[in-house]
Amino acid sequence: MCVGVPMKVVEINYPMAVAEAKGVRRTISLMLLPEDEVKEGDYVMVHVGNAIEKIDKKAAEEIWQALDEVLEALEGEG
C-alpha cells in the first residue's frame, strides 16, 4: 500500500521546496507539478518525497484526521 501525506509548502526554490506537517519539515520535489501551480502556503500531497497533487487546506486537515485515527487504532492493538 502506498500512502501520501499532506504537507504545507513553506519555501520554494523550484523544482525543490520545503514543506511542513505536524511540526516536521522536509525538502520535497515539485517536479511532478507545473512550476506556476504551487506557491508558498499551498498544501500538497507528498509521496516518497514528491509533491504529486495540490490540495486545499480542508482536504489536508481531513486526511490528517483520518491518518491520526488509524495511528490511534494501531497503537491500541499493541
PDB file of N, CA and C in Angstrom:
ATOM      1  N   MET A   1       0.844  -1.171   0.000  1.00  0.00           N
ATOM      2  CA  MET A   1       0.000   0.000   0.000  1.00  0.00           C
ATOM      3  C   MET A   1       0.891   1.237   0.000  1.00  0.00           C
ATOM      4  N   CYS A   2       0.513   2.204  -0.788  1.00  0.00           N
ATOM      5  CA  CYS A   2       1.238   3.472  -0.853  1.00  0.00           C
ATOM      6  C   CYS A   2       0.453   4.529  -0.099  1.00  0.00           C
ATOM      7  N   VAL A   3       1.156   5.331   0.673  1.00  0.00           N
ATOM      8  CA  VAL A   3       0.497   6.375   1.447  1.00  0.00           C
ATOM      9  C   VAL A   3       1.175   7.709   1.170  1.00  0.00           C
ATOM     10  N   GLY A   4       0.367   8.686   0.824  1.00  0.00           N
ATOM     11  CA  GLY A   4       0.854  10.049   0.691  1.00  0.00           C
ATOM     12  C   GLY A   4       0.413  10.829   1.910  1.00  0.00           C
ATOM     13  N   VAL A   5       1.133  11.880   2.222  1.00  0.00           N
ATOM     14  CA  VAL A   5       0.760  12.713   3.364  1.00  0.00           C
ATOM     15  C   VAL A   5       0.631  14.167   2.910  1.00  0.00           C
ATOM     16  N   PRO A   6      -0.356  14.864   3.440  1.00  0.00           N
ATOM     17  CA  PRO A   6      -0.497  16.276   3.093  1.00  0.00           C
ATOM     18  C   PRO A   6       0.533  17.110   3.840  1.00  0.00           C
ATOM     19  N   MET A   7       1.118  18.060   3.131  1.00  0.00           N
ATOM     20  CA  MET A   7       2.100  18.955   3.730  1.00  0.00           C
ATOM     21  C   MET A   7       1.862  20.367   3.209  1.00  0.00           C
ATOM     22  N   LYS A   8       2.222  21.344   4.039  1.00  0.00           N
ATOM     23  CA  LYS A   8       2.110  22.754   3.664  1.00  0.00           C
ATOM     24  C   LYS A   8       3.458  23.227   3.136  1.00  0.00           C
ATOM     25  N   VAL A   9       3.458  23.846   1.967  1.00  0.00           N
ATOM     26  CA  VAL A   9       4.683  24.363   1.364  1.00  0.00           C
ATOM     27  C   VAL A   9       5.062  25.658   2.079  1.00  0.00           C
ATOM     28  N   VAL A  10       6.282  25.696   2.626  1.00  0.00           N
ATOM     29  CA  VAL A  10       6.710  26.883   3.364  1.00  0.00           C
ATOM     30  C   VAL A  10       7.828  27.648   2.660  1.00  0.00           C
ATOM     31  N   GLU A  11       8.460  27.021   1.686  1.00  0.00           N
ATOM     32  CA  GLU A  11       9.545  27.680   0.949  1.00  0.00           C
ATOM     33  C   GLU A  11       9.682  26.996  -0.405  1.00  0.00           C
ATOM     34  N   ILE A  12       9.858  27.790  -1.458  1.00  0.00           N
ATOM     35  CA  ILE A  12      10.009  27.218  -2.793  1.00  0.00           C
ATOM     36  C   ILE A  12      11.279  27.736  -3.442  1.00  0.00           C
ATOM     37  N   ASN A  13      12.021  26.817  -4.008  1.00  0.00           N
ATOM     38  CA  ASN A  13      13.151  27.103  -4.879  1.00  0.00           C
ATOM     39  C   ASN A  13      13.040  26.069  -6.001  1.00  0.00           C
ATOM     40  N   TYR A  14      12.052  26.299  -6.885  1.00  0.00           N
ATOM     41  CA  TYR A  14      11.672  25.305  -7.885  1.00  0.00           C
ATOM     42  C   TYR A  14      12.891  24.760  -8.617  1.00  0.00           C
ATOM     43  N   PRO A  15      12.988  23.445  -8.746  1.00  0.00           N
ATOM     44  CA  PRO A  15      11.970  22.424  -8.583  1.00  0.00           C
ATOM     45  C   PRO A  15      11.898  21.801  -7.188  1.00  0.00           C
ATOM     46  N   MET A  16      12.549  22.386  -6.212  1.00  0.00           N
ATOM     47  CA  MET A  16      12.516  21.852  -4.855  1.00  0.00           C
ATOM     48  C   MET A  16      11.737  22.807  -3.952  1.00  0.00           C
ATOM     49  N   ALA A  17      11.322  22.281  -2.811  1.00  0.00           N
ATOM     50  CA  ALA A  17      10.591  23.093  -1.841  1.00  0.00           C
ATOM     51  C   ALA A  17      10.808  22.512  -0.455  1.00  0.00           C
ATOM     52  N   VAL A  18      10.487  23.310   0.550  1.00  0.00           N
ATOM     53  CA  VAL A  18      10.460  22.827   1.925  1.00  0.00           C
ATOM     54  C   VAL A  18       8.986  22.805   2.313  1.00  0.00           C
ATOM     55  N   ALA A  19       8.554  21.675   2.853  1.00  0.00           N
ATOM     56  CA  ALA A  19       7.159  21.527   3.265  1.00  0.00           C
ATOM     57  C   ALA A  19       7.124  21.057   4.708  1.00  0.00           C
ATOM     58  N   GLU A  20       6.010  21.346   5.377  1.00  0.00           N
ATOM     59  CA  GLU A  20       5.890  21.039   6.805  1.00  0.00           C
ATOM     60  C   GLU A  20       4.568  20.339   7.095  1.00  0.00           C
ATOM     61  N   ALA A  21       4.637  19.378   8.001  1.00  0.00           N
ATOM     62  CA  ALA A  21       3.438  18.706   8.502  1.00  0.00           C
ATOM     63  C   ALA A  21       3.713  18.264   9.927  1.00  0.00           C
ATOM     64  N   LYS A  22       2.805  18.592  10.823  1.00  0.00           N
ATOM     65  CA  LYS A  22       2.921  18.171  12.224  1.00  0.00           C
ATOM     66  C   LYS A  22       4.246  18.606  12.845  1.00  0.00           C
ATOM     67  N   GLY A  23       4.752  19.778  12.461  1.00  0.00           N
ATOM     68  CA  GLY A  23       5.984  20.300  13.023  1.00  0.00           C
ATOM     69  C   GLY A  23       7.254  19.740  12.415  1.00  0.00           C
ATOM     70  N   VAL A  24       7.130  18.879  11.421  1.00  0.00           N
ATOM     71  CA  VAL A  24       8.292  18.278  10.764  1.00  0.00           C
ATOM     72  C   VAL A  24       8.455  18.905   9.384  1.00  0.00           C
ATOM     73  N   ARG A  25       9.659  19.358   9.099  1.00  0.00           N
ATOM     74  CA  ARG A  25       9.958  19.953   7.790  1.00  0.00           C
ATOM     75  C   ARG A  25      10.779  18.982   6.963  1.00  0.00           C
ATOM     76  N   ARG A  26      10.453  18.937   5.669  1.00  0.00           N
ATOM     77  CA  ARG A  26      11.159  18.074   4.737  1.00  0.00           C
ATOM     78  C   ARG A  26      11.380  18.827   3.435  1.00  0.00           C
ATOM     79  N   THR A  27      12.487  18.526   2.781  1.00  0.00           N
ATOM     80  CA  THR A  27      12.710  19.011   1.426  1.00  0.00           C
ATOM     81  C   THR A  27      11.988  18.060   0.493  1.00  0.00           C
ATOM     82  N   ILE A  28      11.180  18.620  -0.402  1.00  0.00           N
ATOM     83  CA  ILE A  28      10.428  17.806  -1.338  1.00  0.00           C
ATOM     84  C   ILE A  28      10.669  18.294  -2.763  1.00  0.00           C
ATOM     85  N   SER A  29      10.340  17.466  -3.712  1.00  0.00           N
ATOM     86  CA  SER A  29      10.437  17.822  -5.120  1.00  0.00           C
ATOM     87  C   SER A  29       9.073  18.261  -5.638  1.00  0.00           C
ATOM     88  N   LEU A  30       9.076  19.315  -6.443  1.00  0.00           N
ATOM     89  CA  LEU A  30       7.862  19.793  -7.098  1.00  0.00           C
ATOM     90  C   LEU A  30       7.865  19.456  -8.587  1.00  0.00           C
ATOM     91  N   MET A  31       8.804  18.632  -9.018  1.00  0.00           N
ATOM     92  CA  MET A  31       8.995  18.378 -10.449  1.00  0.00           C
ATOM     93  C   MET A  31       7.778  17.762 -11.134  1.00  0.00           C
ATOM     94  N   LEU A  32       6.885  17.117 -10.387  1.00  0.00           N
ATOM     95  CA  LEU A  32       5.710  16.494 -10.999  1.00  0.00           C
ATOM     96  C   LEU A  32       4.549  17.471 -11.174  1.00  0.00           C
ATOM     97  N   LEU A  33       4.723  18.702 -10.700  1.00  0.00           N
ATOM     98  CA  LEU A  33       3.684  19.722 -10.819  1.00  0.00           C
ATOM     99  C   LEU A  33       4.219  20.901 -11.625  1.00  0.00           C
ATOM    100  N   PRO A  34       3.362  21.565 -12.385  1.00  0.00           N
ATOM    101  CA  PRO A  34       3.815  22.748 -13.129  1.00  0.00           C
ATOM    102  C   PRO A  34       4.371  23.816 -12.186  1.00  0.00           C
ATOM    103  N   GLU A  35       5.399  24.495 -12.619  1.00  0.00           N
ATOM    104  CA  GLU A  35       6.086  25.482 -11.777  1.00  0.00           C
ATOM    105  C   GLU A  35       5.138  26.554 -11.240  1.00  0.00           C
ATOM    106  N   ASP A  36       4.176  26.970 -12.035  1.00  0.00           N
ATOM    107  CA  ASP A  36       3.285  28.054 -11.598  1.00  0.00           C
ATOM    108  C   ASP A  36       2.062  27.562 -10.820  1.00  0.00           C
ATOM    109  N   GLU A  37       1.963  26.262 -10.556  1.00  0.00           N
ATOM    110  CA  GLU A  37       0.782  25.714  -9.878  1.00  0.00           C
ATOM    111  C   GLU A  37       0.846  25.829  -8.353  1.00  0.00           C
ATOM    112  N   VAL A  38       2.038  25.782  -7.785  1.00  0.00           N
ATOM    113  CA  VAL A  38       2.175  25.754  -6.329  1.00  0.00           C
ATOM    114  C   VAL A  38       2.912  26.999  -5.846  1.00  0.00           C
ATOM    115  N   LYS A  39       2.377  27.594  -4.771  1.00  0.00           N
ATOM    116  CA  LYS A  39       3.061  28.734  -4.159  1.00  0.00           C
ATOM    117  C   LYS A  39       3.164  28.499  -2.653  1.00  0.00           C
ATOM    118  N   GLU A  40       3.992  29.284  -1.989  1.00  0.00           N
ATOM    119  CA  GLU A  40       4.142  29.151  -0.539  1.00  0.00           C
ATOM    120  C   GLU A  40       2.778  29.302   0.130  1.00  0.00           C
ATOM    121  N   GLY A  41       2.527  28.423   1.102  1.00  0.00           N
ATOM    122  CA  GLY A  41       1.257  28.434   1.801  1.00  0.00           C
ATOM    123  C   GLY A  41       0.267  27.417   1.259  1.00  0.00           C
ATOM    124  N   ASP A  42       0.524  26.892   0.069  1.00  0.00           N
ATOM    125  CA  ASP A  42      -0.350  25.868  -0.509  1.00  0.00           C
ATOM    126  C   ASP A  42      -0.087  24.524   0.158  1.00  0.00           C
ATOM    127  N   TYR A  43      -1.067  23.644   0.038  1.00  0.00           N
ATOM    128  CA  TYR A  43      -0.940  22.284   0.540  1.00  0.00           C
ATOM    129  C   TYR A  43      -0.774  21.328  -0.631  1.00  0.00           C
ATOM    130  N   VAL A  44       0.094  20.343  -0.452  1.00  0.00           N
ATOM    131  CA  VAL A  44       0.324  19.336  -1.478  1.00  0.00           C
ATOM    132  C   VAL A  44       0.313  17.951  -0.843  1.00  0.00           C
ATOM    133  N   MET A  45      -0.032  16.963  -1.645  1.00  0.00           N
ATOM    134  CA  MET A  45       0.058  15.571  -1.216  1.00  0.00           C
ATOM    135  C   MET A  45       1.458  15.106  -1.586  1.00  0.00           C
ATOM    136  N   VAL A  46       2.192  14.568  -0.599  1.00  0.00           N
ATOM    137  CA  VAL A  46       3.577  14.163  -0.810  1.00  0.00           C
ATOM    138  C   VAL A  46       3.693  12.653  -0.695  1.00  0.00           C
ATOM    139  N   HIS A  47       4.319  12.064  -1.697  1.00  0.00           N
ATOM    140  CA  HIS A  47       4.574  10.621  -1.712  1.00  0.00           C
ATOM    141  C   HIS A  47       6.025  10.404  -2.095  1.00  0.00           C
ATOM    142  N   VAL A  48       6.752   9.719  -1.255  1.00  0.00           N
ATOM    143  CA  VAL A  48       8.170   9.390  -1.477  1.00  0.00           C
ATOM    144  C   VAL A  48       8.967  10.648  -1.837  1.00  0.00           C
ATOM    145  N   GLY A  49       8.687  11.746  -1.127  1.00  0.00           N
ATOM    146  CA  GLY A  49       9.448  12.972  -1.317  1.00  0.00           C
ATOM    147  C   GLY A  49       9.034  13.821  -2.496  1.00  0.00           C
ATOM    148  N   ASN A  50       7.973  13.418  -3.194  1.00  0.00           N
ATOM    149  CA  ASN A  50       7.500  14.159  -4.362  1.00  0.00           C
ATOM    150  C   ASN A  50       6.095  14.689  -4.130  1.00  0.00           C
ATOM    151  N   ALA A  51       5.893  15.967  -4.423  1.00  0.00           N
ATOM    152  CA  ALA A  51       4.543  16.519  -4.402  1.00  0.00           C
ATOM    153  C   ALA A  51       3.834  15.974  -5.633  1.00  0.00           C
ATOM    154  N   ILE A  52       2.726  15.262  -5.401  1.00  0.00           N
ATOM    155  CA  ILE A  52       2.046  14.624  -6.530  1.00  0.00           C
ATOM    156  C   ILE A  52       0.729  15.302  -6.880  1.00  0.00           C
ATOM    157  N   GLU A  53       0.249  16.190  -5.984  1.00  0.00           N
ATOM    158  CA  GLU A  53      -1.033  16.840  -6.226  1.00  0.00           C
ATOM    159  C   GLU A  53      -1.183  18.031  -5.292  1.00  0.00           C
ATOM    160  N   LYS A  54      -1.731  19.112  -5.800  1.00  0.00           N
ATOM    161  CA  LYS A  54      -2.081  20.251  -4.954  1.00  0.00           C
ATOM    162  C   LYS A  54      -3.466  19.973  -4.367  1.00  0.00           C
ATOM    163  N   ILE A  55      -3.623  20.224  -3.068  1.00  0.00           N
ATOM    164  CA  ILE A  55      -4.913  20.008  -2.406  1.00  0.00           C
ATOM    165  C   ILE A  55      -5.256  21.255  -1.598  1.00  0.00           C
ATOM    166  N   ASP A  56      -6.507  21.360  -1.189  1.00  0.00           N
ATOM    167  CA  ASP A  56      -6.873  22.522  -0.370  1.00  0.00           C
ATOM    168  C   ASP A  56      -6.673  22.206   1.116  1.00  0.00           C
ATOM    169  N   LYS A  57      -6.705  23.247   1.926  1.00  0.00           N
ATOM    170  CA  LYS A  57      -6.443  23.109   3.357  1.00  0.00           C
ATOM    171  C   LYS A  57      -7.443  22.171   4.025  1.00  0.00           C
ATOM    172  N   LYS A  58      -8.706  22.257   3.638  1.00  0.00           N
ATOM    173  CA  LYS A  58      -9.732  21.411   4.243  1.00  0.00           C
ATOM    174  C   LYS A  58      -9.437  19.935   3.977  1.00  0.00           C
ATOM    175  N   ALA A  59      -9.069  19.617   2.756  1.00  0.00           N
ATOM    176  CA  ALA A  59      -8.736  18.225   2.421  1.00  0.00           C
ATOM    177  C   ALA A  59      -7.534  17.759   3.228  1.00  0.00           C
ATOM    178  N   ALA A  60      -6.523  18.617   3.368  1.00  0.00           N
ATOM    179  CA  ALA A  60      -5.334  18.262   4.145  1.00  0.00           C
ATOM    180  C   ALA A  60      -5.710  17.950   5.596  1.00  0.00           C
ATOM    181  N   GLU A  61      -6.564  18.773   6.182  1.00  0.00           N
ATOM    182  CA  GLU A  61      -6.987  18.556   7.567  1.00  0.00           C
ATOM    183  C   GLU A  61      -7.781  17.262   7.711  1.00  0.00           C
ATOM    184  N   GLU A  62      -8.665  16.985   6.753  1.00  0.00           N
ATOM    185  CA  GLU A  62      -9.467  15.756   6.804  1.00  0.00           C
ATOM    186  C   GLU A  62      -8.584  14.510   6.668  1.00  0.00           C
ATOM    187  N   ILE A  63      -7.599  14.584   5.797  1.00  0.00           N
ATOM    188  CA  ILE A  63      -6.694  13.449   5.613  1.00  0.00           C
ATOM    189  C   ILE A  63      -5.886  13.206   6.878  1.00  0.00           C
ATOM    190  N   TRP A  64      -5.374  14.292   7.491  1.00  0.00           N
ATOM    191  CA  TRP A  64      -4.606  14.116   8.727  1.00  0.00           C
ATOM    192  C   TRP A  64      -5.470  13.566   9.850  1.00  0.00           C
ATOM    193  N   GLN A  65      -6.721  13.980   9.904  1.00  0.00           N
ATOM    194  CA  GLN A  65      -7.629  13.450  10.923  1.00  0.00           C
ATOM    195  C   GLN A  65      -7.796  11.940  10.733  1.00  0.00           C
ATOM    196  N   ALA A  66      -7.979  11.512   9.499  1.00  0.00           N
ATOM    197  CA  ALA A  66      -8.127  10.077   9.218  1.00  0.00           C
ATOM    198  C   ALA A  66      -6.844   9.319   9.542  1.00  0.00           C
ATOM    199  N   LEU A  67      -5.693   9.885   9.171  1.00  0.00           N
ATOM    200  CA  LEU A  67      -4.419   9.222   9.475  1.00  0.00           C
ATOM    201  C   LEU A  67      -4.198   9.116  10.979  1.00  0.00           C
ATOM    202  N   ASP A  68      -4.549  10.165  11.714  1.00  0.00           N
ATOM    203  CA  ASP A  68      -4.418  10.128  13.176  1.00  0.00           C
ATOM    204  C   ASP A  68      -5.297   9.038  13.782  1.00  0.00           C
ATOM    205  N   GLU A  69      -6.511   8.887  13.255  1.00  0.00           N
ATOM    206  CA  GLU A  69      -7.409   7.845  13.747  1.00  0.00           C
ATOM    207  C   GLU A  69      -6.839   6.450  13.492  1.00  0.00           C
ATOM    208  N   VAL A  70      -6.238   6.245  12.326  1.00  0.00           N
ATOM    209  CA  VAL A  70      -5.618   4.954  12.007  1.00  0.00           C
ATOM    210  C   VAL A  70      -4.461   4.688  12.957  1.00  0.00           C
ATOM    211  N   LEU A  71      -3.620   5.692  13.186  1.00  0.00           N
ATOM    212  CA  LEU A  71      -2.483   5.515  14.092  1.00  0.00           C
ATOM    213  C   LEU A  71      -2.942   5.197  15.510  1.00  0.00           C
ATOM    214  N   GLU A  72      -3.982   5.867  15.977  1.00  0.00           N
ATOM    215  CA  GLU A  72      -4.522   5.586  17.321  1.00  0.00           C
ATOM    216  C   GLU A  72      -5.036   4.156  17.409  1.00  0.00           C
ATOM    217  N   ALA A  73      -5.715   3.703  16.373  1.00  0.00           N
ATOM    218  CA  ALA A  73      -6.245   2.336  16.362  1.00  0.00           C
ATOM    219  C   ALA A  73      -5.112   1.320  16.377  1.00  0.00           C
ATOM    220  N   LEU A  74      -4.064   1.588  15.626  1.00  0.00           N
ATOM    221  CA  LEU A  74      -2.927   0.674  15.592  1.00  0.00           C
ATOM    222  C   LEU A  74      -2.204   0.633  16.933  1.00  0.00           C
ATOM    223  N   GLU A  75      -2.088   1.775  17.606  1.00  0.00           N
ATOM    224  CA  GLU A  75      -1.447   1.815  18.915  1.00  0.00           C
ATOM    225  C   GLU A  75      -2.265   1.026  19.933  1.00  0.00           C
ATOM    226  N   GLY A  76      -3.562   1.024  19.794  1.00  0.00           N
ATOM    227  CA  GLY A  76      -4.432   0.289  20.696  1.00  0.00           C
ATOM    228  C   GLY A  76      -4.302  -1.215  20.544  1.00  0.00           C
ATOM    229  N   GLU A  77      -3.842  -1.645  19.390  1.00  0.00           N
ATOM    230  CA  GLU A  77      -3.666  -3.092  19.150  1.00  0.00           C
ATOM    231  C   GLU A  77      -2.412  -3.632  19.809  1.00  0.00           C
ATOM    232  N   GLY A  78      -1.421  -2.760  20.060  1.00  0.00           N
ATOM    233  CA  GLY A  78      -0.126  -3.184  20.557  1.00  0.00           C
ATOM    234  C   GLY A  78      -0.159  -3.527  21.994  1.00  0.00           C
TER     235      GLY A  78
END
